[in-house]
Amino acid sequence: MVTPVDTVLRQEWGIADGLADQRVSVLDPCCGTGAYLVAVLQRIAATLQEPLNLEEILHSSASFYALQSVIN
């Protein structure tokens, strides 16, 4: 599901960086195991050609707050 969303953002909406664009917000209302969000983060890291450091992401204050909001 991540690839089709990224493709639509790039090809249909003209957002060159797709999911990695700062204007894009990702919501996962079910967020069971969090696998979709991890796949999105991996796609963003690949687009930006940066290594994905989940530990750093989980400990940033904004990400932590967002994650807590989803969990609670």
PDB file of N, CA and C in Angstrom:
ATOM      1  N   MET A   1       0.808  -1.190   0.000  1.00  0.00           N
ATOM      2  CA  MET A   1       0.000   0.000   0.000  1.00  0.00           C
ATOM      3  C   MET A   1       0.861   1.268   0.000  1.00  0.00           C
ATOM      4  N   VAL A   2       2.062   1.202   0.524  1.00  0.00           N
ATOM      5  CA  VAL A   2       2.924   2.371   0.583  1.00  0.00           C
ATOM      6  C   VAL A   2       3.340   2.827  -0.824  1.00  0.00           C
ATOM      7  N   THR A   3       3.742   1.890  -1.643  1.00  0.00           N
ATOM      8  CA  THR A   3       4.200   2.232  -2.992  1.00  0.00           C
ATOM      9  C   THR A   3       3.105   2.899  -3.820  1.00  0.00           C
ATOM     10  N   PRO A   4       1.870   2.381  -3.842  1.00  0.00           N
ATOM     11  CA  PRO A   4       0.830   3.060  -4.614  1.00  0.00           C
ATOM     12  C   PRO A   4       0.553   4.489  -4.121  1.00  0.00           C
ATOM     13  N   VAL A   5       0.560   4.690  -2.816  1.00  0.00           N
ATOM     14  CA  VAL A   5       0.324   6.034  -2.275  1.00  0.00           C
ATOM     15  C   VAL A   5       1.453   6.964  -2.700  1.00  0.00           C
ATOM     16  N   ASP A   6       2.684   6.499  -2.582  1.00  0.00           N
ATOM     17  CA  ASP A   6       3.841   7.299  -2.972  1.00  0.00           C
ATOM     18  C   ASP A   6       3.780   7.632  -4.466  1.00  0.00           C
ATOM     19  N   THR A   7       3.396   6.670  -5.271  1.00  0.00           N
ATOM     20  CA  THR A   7       3.290   6.864  -6.721  1.00  0.00           C
ATOM     21  C   THR A   7       2.226   7.898  -7.073  1.00  0.00           C
ATOM     22  N   VAL A   8       1.063   7.825  -6.438  1.00  0.00           N
ATOM     23  CA  VAL A   8      -0.002   8.789  -6.701  1.00  0.00           C
ATOM     24  C   VAL A   8       0.449  10.198  -6.310  1.00  0.00           C
ATOM     25  N   LEU A   9       1.105  10.313  -5.177  1.00  0.00           N
ATOM     26  CA  LEU A   9       1.602  11.628  -4.755  1.00  0.00           C
ATOM     27  C   LEU A   9       2.558  12.206  -5.799  1.00  0.00           C
ATOM     28  N   ARG A  10       3.424  11.358  -6.341  1.00  0.00           N
ATOM     29  CA  ARG A  10       4.416  11.820  -7.314  1.00  0.00           C
ATOM     30  C   ARG A  10       3.804  12.081  -8.688  1.00  0.00           C
ATOM     31  N   GLN A  11       3.053  11.112  -9.196  1.00  0.00           N
ATOM     32  CA  GLN A  11       2.585  11.183 -10.578  1.00  0.00           C
ATOM     33  C   GLN A  11       1.281  11.942 -10.766  1.00  0.00           C
ATOM     34  N   GLU A  12       0.356  11.801  -9.858  1.00  0.00           N
ATOM     35  CA  GLU A  12      -0.951  12.439 -10.011  1.00  0.00           C
ATOM     36  C   GLU A  12      -1.004  13.824  -9.375  1.00  0.00           C
ATOM     37  N   TRP A  13      -0.313  14.001  -8.251  1.00  0.00           N
ATOM     38  CA  TRP A  13      -0.377  15.271  -7.532  1.00  0.00           C
ATOM     39  C   TRP A  13       0.866  16.124  -7.743  1.00  0.00           C
ATOM     40  N   GLY A  14       1.863  15.597  -8.451  1.00  0.00           N
ATOM     41  CA  GLY A  14       3.056  16.367  -8.761  1.00  0.00           C
ATOM     42  C   GLY A  14       3.944  16.684  -7.575  1.00  0.00           C
ATOM     43  N   ILE A  15       3.902  15.846  -6.545  1.00  0.00           N
ATOM     44  CA  ILE A  15       4.752  16.043  -5.362  1.00  0.00           C
ATOM     45  C   ILE A  15       6.003  15.197  -5.558  1.00  0.00           C
ATOM     46  N   ALA A  16       7.082  15.834  -5.954  1.00  0.00           N
ATOM     47  CA  ALA A  16       8.296  15.147  -6.390  1.00  0.00           C
ATOM     48  C   ALA A  16       8.861  14.160  -5.361  1.00  0.00           C
ATOM     49  N   ASP A  17       8.828  14.514  -4.082  1.00  0.00           N
ATOM     50  CA  ASP A  17       9.390  13.636  -3.058  1.00  0.00           C
ATOM     51  C   ASP A  17       8.377  12.657  -2.482  1.00  0.00           C
ATOM     52  N   GLY A  18       7.174  12.666  -2.986  1.00  0.00           N
ATOM     53  CA  GLY A  18       6.149  11.730  -2.529  1.00  0.00           C
ATOM     54  C   GLY A  18       5.942  11.805  -1.023  1.00  0.00           C
ATOM     55  N   LEU A  19       5.976  10.674  -0.378  1.00  0.00           N
ATOM     56  CA  LEU A  19       5.758  10.604   1.065  1.00  0.00           C
ATOM     57  C   LEU A  19       6.795  11.387   1.866  1.00  0.00           C
ATOM     58  N   ALA A  20       7.952  11.649   1.275  1.00  0.00           N
ATOM     59  CA  ALA A  20       9.019  12.357   1.987  1.00  0.00           C
ATOM     60  C   ALA A  20       8.806  13.873   2.001  1.00  0.00           C
ATOM     61  N   ASP A  21       7.827  14.355   1.255  1.00  0.00           N
ATOM     62  CA  ASP A  21       7.569  15.795   1.216  1.00  0.00           C
ATOM     63  C   ASP A  21       7.024  16.264   2.569  1.00  0.00           C
ATOM     64  N   GLN A  22       7.476  17.410   3.016  1.00  0.00           N
ATOM     65  CA  GLN A  22       7.067  17.941   4.318  1.00  0.00           C
ATOM     66  C   GLN A  22       5.590  18.300   4.382  1.00  0.00           C
ATOM     67  N   ARG A  23       4.955  18.487   3.254  1.00  0.00           N
ATOM     68  CA  ARG A  23       3.526  18.830   3.238  1.00  0.00           C
ATOM     69  C   ARG A  23       2.635  17.611   3.425  1.00  0.00           C
ATOM     70  N   VAL A  24       3.205  16.424   3.348  1.00  0.00           N
ATOM     71  CA  VAL A  24       2.426  15.189   3.420  1.00  0.00           C
ATOM     72  C   VAL A  24       2.356  14.702   4.862  1.00  0.00           C
ATOM     73  N   SER A  25       1.154  14.418   5.309  1.00  0.00           N
ATOM     74  CA  SER A  25       0.935  13.810   6.628  1.00  0.00           C
ATOM     75  C   SER A  25       0.438  12.393   6.414  1.00  0.00           C
ATOM     76  N   VAL A  26       0.918  11.488   7.224  1.00  0.00           N
ATOM     77  CA  VAL A  26       0.527  10.091   7.103  1.00  0.00           C
ATOM     78  C   VAL A  26      -0.291   9.704   8.325  1.00  0.00           C
ATOM     79  N   LEU A  27      -1.464   9.159   8.080  1.00  0.00           N
ATOM     80  CA  LEU A  27      -2.323   8.683   9.160  1.00  0.00           C
ATOM     81  C   LEU A  27      -2.542   7.189   8.995  1.00  0.00           C
ATOM     82  N   ASP A  28      -2.485   6.493  10.088  1.00  0.00           N
ATOM     83  CA  ASP A  28      -2.772   5.065  10.095  1.00  0.00           C
ATOM     84  C   ASP A  28      -3.766   4.818  11.224  1.00  0.00           C
ATOM     85  N   PRO A  29      -5.067   4.992  10.956  1.00  0.00           N
ATOM     86  CA  PRO A  29      -6.058   4.912  12.030  1.00  0.00           C
ATOM     87  C   PRO A  29      -6.142   3.545  12.704  1.00  0.00           C
ATOM     88  N   CYS A  30      -5.774   2.490  12.007  1.00  0.00           N
ATOM     89  CA  CYS A  30      -5.819   1.159  12.625  1.00  0.00           C
ATOM     90  C   CYS A  30      -4.574   0.896  13.468  1.00  0.00           C
ATOM     91  N   CYS A  31      -3.432   1.232  12.936  1.00  0.00           N
ATOM     92  CA  CYS A  31      -2.134   1.161  13.615  1.00  0.00           C
ATOM     93  C   CYS A  31      -1.949  -0.064  14.501  1.00  0.00           C
ATOM     94  N   GLY A  32      -2.413  -1.211  14.056  1.00  0.00           N
ATOM     95  CA  GLY A  32      -2.235  -2.442  14.827  1.00  0.00           C
ATOM     96  C   GLY A  32      -0.801  -2.672  15.249  1.00  0.00           C
ATOM     97  N   THR A  33      -0.007  -3.224  14.376  1.00  0.00           N
ATOM     98  CA  THR A  33       1.398  -3.516  14.703  1.00  0.00           C
ATOM     99  C   THR A  33       2.310  -2.352  14.352  1.00  0.00           C
ATOM    100  N   GLY A  34       1.799  -1.386  13.615  1.00  0.00           N
ATOM    101  CA  GLY A  34       2.614  -0.256  13.181  1.00  0.00           C
ATOM    102  C   GLY A  34       3.421  -0.556  11.931  1.00  0.00           C
ATOM    103  N   ALA A  35       3.169  -1.703  11.297  1.00  0.00           N
ATOM    104  CA  ALA A  35       3.937  -2.119  10.122  1.00  0.00           C
ATOM    105  C   ALA A  35       3.802  -1.121   8.965  1.00  0.00           C
ATOM    106  N   TYR A  36       2.608  -0.546   8.791  1.00  0.00           N
ATOM    107  CA  TYR A  36       2.422   0.429   7.713  1.00  0.00           C
ATOM    108  C   TYR A  36       3.278   1.660   7.956  1.00  0.00           C
ATOM    109  N   LEU A  37       3.280   2.153   9.182  1.00  0.00           N
ATOM    110  CA  LEU A  37       4.069   3.344   9.495  1.00  0.00           C
ATOM    111  C   LEU A  37       5.565   3.079   9.341  1.00  0.00           C
ATOM    112  N   VAL A  38       6.009   1.891   9.712  1.00  0.00           N
ATOM    113  CA  VAL A  38       7.422   1.534   9.526  1.00  0.00           C
ATOM    114  C   VAL A  38       7.751   1.497   8.038  1.00  0.00           C
ATOM    115  N   ALA A  39       6.847   0.934   7.237  1.00  0.00           N
ATOM    116  CA  ALA A  39       7.069   0.880   5.788  1.00  0.00           C
ATOM    117  C   ALA A  39       7.120   2.289   5.197  1.00  0.00           C
ATOM    118  N   VAL A  40       6.275   3.187   5.695  1.00  0.00           N
ATOM    119  CA  VAL A  40       6.293   4.576   5.235  1.00  0.00           C
ATOM    120  C   VAL A  40       7.635   5.217   5.586  1.00  0.00           C
ATOM    121  N   LEU A  41       8.096   5.021   6.815  1.00  0.00           N
ATOM    122  CA  LEU A  41       9.385   5.583   7.230  1.00  0.00           C
ATOM    123  C   LEU A  41      10.534   5.028   6.392  1.00  0.00           C
ATOM    124  N   GLN A  42      10.465   3.743   6.069  1.00  0.00           N
ATOM    125  CA  GLN A  42      11.508   3.151   5.218  1.00  0.00           C
ATOM    126  C   GLN A  42      11.481   3.765   3.826  1.00  0.00           C
ATOM    127  N   ARG A  43      10.278   4.013   3.306  1.00  0.00           N
ATOM    128  CA  ARG A  43      10.145   4.622   1.979  1.00  0.00           C
ATOM    129  C   ARG A  43      10.699   6.048   1.987  1.00  0.00           C
ATOM    130  N   ILE A  44      10.393   6.794   3.030  1.00  0.00           N
ATOM    131  CA  ILE A  44      10.901   8.160   3.161  1.00  0.00           C
ATOM    132  C   ILE A  44      12.419   8.154   3.246  1.00  0.00           C
ATOM    133  N   ALA A  45      12.981   7.255   4.054  1.00  0.00           N
ATOM    134  CA  ALA A  45      14.433   7.159   4.186  1.00  0.00           C
ATOM    135  C   ALA A  45      15.079   6.829   2.848  1.00  0.00           C
ATOM    136  N   ALA A  46      14.441   5.932   2.083  1.00  0.00           N
ATOM    137  CA  ALA A  46      14.978   5.572   0.772  1.00  0.00           C
ATOM    138  C   ALA A  46      14.922   6.770  -0.186  1.00  0.00           C
ATOM    139  N   THR A  47      13.832   7.526  -0.120  1.00  0.00           N
ATOM    140  CA  THR A  47      13.697   8.709  -0.976  1.00  0.00           C
ATOM    141  C   THR A  47      14.765   9.736  -0.634  1.00  0.00           C
ATOM    142  N   LEU A  48      14.979   9.945   0.646  1.00  0.00           N
ATOM    143  CA  LEU A  48      15.963  10.930   1.084  1.00  0.00           C
ATOM    144  C   LEU A  48      17.382  10.364   1.086  1.00  0.00           C
ATOM    145  N   GLN A  49      17.501   9.070   0.813  1.00  0.00           N
ATOM    146  CA  GLN A  49      18.779   8.353   0.781  1.00  0.00           C
ATOM    147  C   GLN A  49      19.547   8.521   2.088  1.00  0.00           C
ATOM    148  N   GLU A  50      18.802   8.424   3.190  1.00  0.00           N
ATOM    149  CA  GLU A  50      19.393   8.483   4.513  1.00  0.00           C
ATOM    150  C   GLU A  50      19.093   7.177   5.222  1.00  0.00           C
ATOM    151  N   PRO A  51      20.007   6.713   6.058  1.00  0.00           N
ATOM    152  CA  PRO A  51      19.713   5.503   6.819  1.00  0.00           C
ATOM    153  C   PRO A  51      18.583   5.766   7.810  1.00  0.00           C
ATOM    154  N   LEU A  52      17.721   4.784   7.983  1.00  0.00           N
ATOM    155  CA  LEU A  52      16.591   4.907   8.889  1.00  0.00           C
ATOM    156  C   LEU A  52      17.030   4.536  10.297  1.00  0.00           C
ATOM    157  N   ASN A  53      16.906   5.472  11.218  1.00  0.00           N
ATOM    158  CA  ASN A  53      17.251   5.227  12.614  1.00  0.00           C
ATOM    159  C   ASN A  53      15.974   5.304  13.431  1.00  0.00           C
ATOM    160  N   LEU A  54      15.277   4.154  13.571  1.00  0.00           N
ATOM    161  CA  LEU A  54      14.006   4.131  14.282  1.00  0.00           C
ATOM    162  C   LEU A  54      14.156   4.577  15.727  1.00  0.00           C
ATOM    163  N   GLU A  55      15.262   4.236  16.342  1.00  0.00           N
ATOM    164  CA  GLU A  55      15.498   4.633  17.732  1.00  0.00           C
ATOM    165  C   GLU A  55      15.467   6.153  17.872  1.00  0.00           C
ATOM    166  N   GLU A  56      16.125   6.843  16.962  1.00  0.00           N
ATOM    167  CA  GLU A  56      16.152   8.309  16.988  1.00  0.00           C
ATOM    168  C   GLU A  56      14.763   8.881  16.735  1.00  0.00           C
ATOM    169  N   ILE A  57      14.036   8.285  15.814  1.00  0.00           N
ATOM    170  CA  ILE A  57      12.688   8.758  15.493  1.00  0.00           C
ATOM    171  C   ILE A  57      11.771   8.589  16.691  1.00  0.00           C
ATOM    172  N   LEU A  58      11.838   7.446  17.340  1.00  0.00           N
ATOM    173  CA  LEU A  58      10.952   7.172  18.464  1.00  0.00           C
ATOM    174  C   LEU A  58      11.250   8.053  19.674  1.00  0.00           C
ATOM    175  N   HIS A  59      12.459   8.567  19.759  1.00  0.00           N
ATOM    176  CA  HIS A  59      12.818   9.382  20.910  1.00  0.00           C
ATOM    177  C   HIS A  59      12.725  10.880  20.653  1.00  0.00           C
ATOM    178  N   SER A  60      12.383  11.284  19.443  1.00  0.00           N
ATOM    179  CA  SER A  60      12.192  12.710  19.202  1.00  0.00           C
ATOM    180  C   SER A  60      10.868  13.110  19.848  1.00  0.00           C
ATOM    181  N   SER A  61      10.798  14.275  20.402  1.00  0.00           N
ATOM    182  CA  SER A  61       9.620  14.683  21.178  1.00  0.00           C
ATOM    183  C   SER A  61       8.346  14.700  20.337  1.00  0.00           C
ATOM    184  N   ALA A  62       8.404  15.213  19.128  1.00  0.00           N
ATOM    185  CA  ALA A  62       7.201  15.280  18.293  1.00  0.00           C
ATOM    186  C   ALA A  62       6.735  13.881  17.914  1.00  0.00           C
ATOM    187  N   SER A  63       7.664  13.023  17.532  1.00  0.00           N
ATOM    188  CA  SER A  63       7.300  11.661  17.151  1.00  0.00           C
ATOM    189  C   SER A  63       6.768  10.895  18.353  1.00  0.00           C
ATOM    190  N   PHE A  64       7.376  11.111  19.502  1.00  0.00           N
ATOM    191  CA  PHE A  64       6.937  10.425  20.718  1.00  0.00           C
ATOM    192  C   PHE A  64       5.511  10.842  21.061  1.00  0.00           C
ATOM    193  N   TYR A  65       5.232  12.145  20.975  1.00  0.00           N
ATOM    194  CA  TYR A  65       3.888  12.637  21.270  1.00  0.00           C
ATOM    195  C   TYR A  65       2.875  12.046  20.291  1.00  0.00           C
ATOM    196  N   ALA A  66       3.222  12.037  19.009  1.00  0.00           N
ATOM    197  CA  ALA A  66       2.310  11.491  18.003  1.00  0.00           C
ATOM    198  C   ALA A  66       2.066  10.004  18.242  1.00  0.00           C
ATOM    199  N   LEU A  67       3.124   9.285  18.554  1.00  0.00           N
ATOM    200  CA  LEU A  67       2.999   7.850  18.811  1.00  0.00           C
ATOM    201  C   LEU A  67       2.149   7.598  20.050  1.00  0.00           C
ATOM    202  N   GLN A  68       2.347   8.389  21.100  1.00  0.00           N
ATOM    203  CA  GLN A  68       1.560   8.251  22.318  1.00  0.00           C
ATOM    204  C   GLN A  68       0.098   8.541  22.039  1.00  0.00           C
ATOM    205  N   SER A  69      -0.167   9.535  21.191  1.00  0.00           N
ATOM    206  CA  SER A  69      -1.534   9.888  20.860  1.00  0.00           C
ATOM    207  C   SER A  69      -2.240   8.747  20.133  1.00  0.00           C
ATOM    208  N   VAL A  70      -1.505   8.065  19.277  1.00  0.00           N
ATOM    209  CA  VAL A  70      -2.077   6.940  18.530  1.00  0.00           C
ATOM    210  C   VAL A  70      -2.301   5.758  19.455  1.00  0.00           C
ATOM    211  N   ILE A  71      -1.344   5.501  20.345  1.00  0.00           N
ATOM    212  CA  ILE A  71      -1.430   4.343  21.242  1.00  0.00           C
ATOM    213  C   ILE A  71      -2.550   4.514  22.256  1.00  0.00           C
ATOM    214  N   ASN A  72      -2.671   5.707  22.790  1.00  0.00           N
ATOM    215  CA  ASN A  72      -3.682   5.953  23.838  1.00  0.00           C
ATOM    216  C   ASN A  72      -4.981   6.240  23.229  1.00  0.00           C
TER     217      ASN A  72
END
